[in-house]
Amino acid sequence: MPAKTKKARKPKDPRAAELRALGERIRVHRKHRKVSQQKLAGELGLSIAYVSLIECGRRNPPYSRVVAIARALHVPAAKLVE
C-alpha cells in the first residue's frame, strides 16, 4: 500500500485579517440600517452569496465595490476601510 502524501496547504493570505475586519464593518453597518444581505445584493446587482463572502472576509472586493456598498448603506467609505 502506498504511503499517504500530505496535501500542500495554501499559504495564508496576509490580508486575511484585514478582509475579515472589512467584512465585519460592512455587516455591522448593514445590520444597523436593518438591511438584509438580499436587499443589499439587489441594490448593488450582486449575488447574495458574494455579499456573504465579503462579510465573511473570503473575498477581496475592488475599492469601487466598497464605495458602492458604503453608498448603499449611507456611510462614508472611510468608515468601512479604516
Protein backbone atom coordinates (compact mmCIF):
# COMPACT_ATOMS: atom_id res chain seq x y z
CA MET A 1 0.00 0.00 0.00
CA PRO A 2 1.49 3.38 -1.00
CA ALA A 3 2.24 5.88 1.72
CA LYS A 4 -0.17 8.79 2.02
CA THR A 5 1.19 12.12 0.99
CA LYS A 6 0.13 15.29 2.69
CA LYS A 7 -1.54 17.87 0.56
CA ALA A 8 0.25 21.16 0.48
CA ARG A 9 -1.80 23.79 2.25
CA LYS A 10 -2.37 27.13 0.67
CA PRO A 11 -0.32 29.78 2.39
CA LYS A 12 -2.46 32.10 4.50
CA ASP A 13 -3.35 35.33 2.79
CA PRO A 14 -1.54 38.12 4.64
CA ARG A 15 -4.61 40.29 4.09
CA ALA A 16 -6.99 37.80 5.70
CA ALA A 17 -7.37 39.70 8.98
CA GLU A 18 -7.98 42.97 7.14
CA LEU A 19 -10.57 41.37 4.87
CA ARG A 20 -12.37 39.87 7.88
CA ALA A 21 -12.36 43.29 9.57
CA LEU A 22 -13.74 44.96 6.43
CA GLY A 23 -16.46 42.33 6.20
CA GLU A 24 -17.35 42.74 9.85
CA ARG A 25 -17.64 46.53 9.47
CA ILE A 26 -19.90 46.06 6.44
CA ARG A 27 -22.06 43.59 8.39
CA VAL A 28 -22.32 45.91 11.41
CA HIS A 29 -23.42 48.88 9.27
CA ARG A 30 -25.82 46.71 7.25
CA LYS A 31 -27.49 45.33 10.36
CA HIS A 32 -27.59 48.78 11.99
CA ARG A 33 -29.55 50.00 8.95
CA LYS A 34 -31.73 46.86 9.14
CA VAL A 35 -30.84 45.87 5.57
CA SER A 36 -30.77 42.19 4.63
CA GLN A 37 -27.99 40.68 2.56
CA GLN A 38 -30.64 40.01 -0.09
CA LYS A 39 -31.69 43.67 -0.25
CA LEU A 40 -28.09 44.93 -0.29
CA ALA A 41 -27.16 42.46 -3.02
CA GLY A 42 -30.18 43.51 -5.08
CA GLU A 43 -29.33 47.20 -4.79
CA LEU A 44 -25.77 46.53 -5.93
CA GLY A 45 -26.53 43.98 -8.62
CA LEU A 46 -24.55 41.30 -6.76
CA SER A 47 -25.43 37.81 -5.64
CA ILE A 48 -26.36 37.19 -2.03
CA ALA A 49 -23.55 34.64 -1.86
CA TYR A 50 -20.98 37.25 -2.92
CA VAL A 51 -22.19 39.71 -0.26
CA SER A 52 -21.96 36.91 2.29
CA LEU A 53 -18.42 36.03 1.20
CA ILE A 54 -17.36 39.68 1.51
CA GLU A 55 -18.83 39.86 5.02
CA CYS A 56 -17.00 36.67 5.99
CA GLY A 57 -13.72 38.07 4.69
CA ARG A 58 -13.39 35.46 1.98
CA ARG A 59 -13.48 37.90 -0.94
CA ASN A 60 -11.40 40.98 -1.63
CA PRO A 61 -13.79 43.40 -3.32
CA PRO A 62 -12.38 46.16 -5.50
CA TYR A 63 -12.40 49.62 -3.96
CA SER A 64 -15.15 50.74 -6.35
CA ARG A 65 -17.38 48.00 -4.93
CA VAL A 66 -16.56 49.02 -1.35
CA VAL A 67 -17.57 52.58 -2.27
CA ALA A 68 -20.84 51.28 -3.78
CA ILE A 69 -21.55 49.28 -0.62
CA ALA A 70 -20.85 52.34 1.52
CA ARG A 71 -23.24 54.45 -0.56
CA ALA A 72 -25.94 51.79 -0.34
CA LEU A 73 -25.52 51.76 3.46
CA HIS A 74 -25.36 55.58 3.66
CA VAL A 75 -21.97 55.64 5.35
CA PRO A 76 -18.67 57.17 4.22
CA ALA A 77 -16.39 54.62 2.56
CA ALA A 78 -13.71 55.60 5.09
CA LYS A 79 -15.88 54.07 7.84
CA LEU A 80 -15.62 50.69 6.12
CA VAL A 81 -11.90 50.75 5.36
CA GLU A 82 -10.48 52.42 8.48
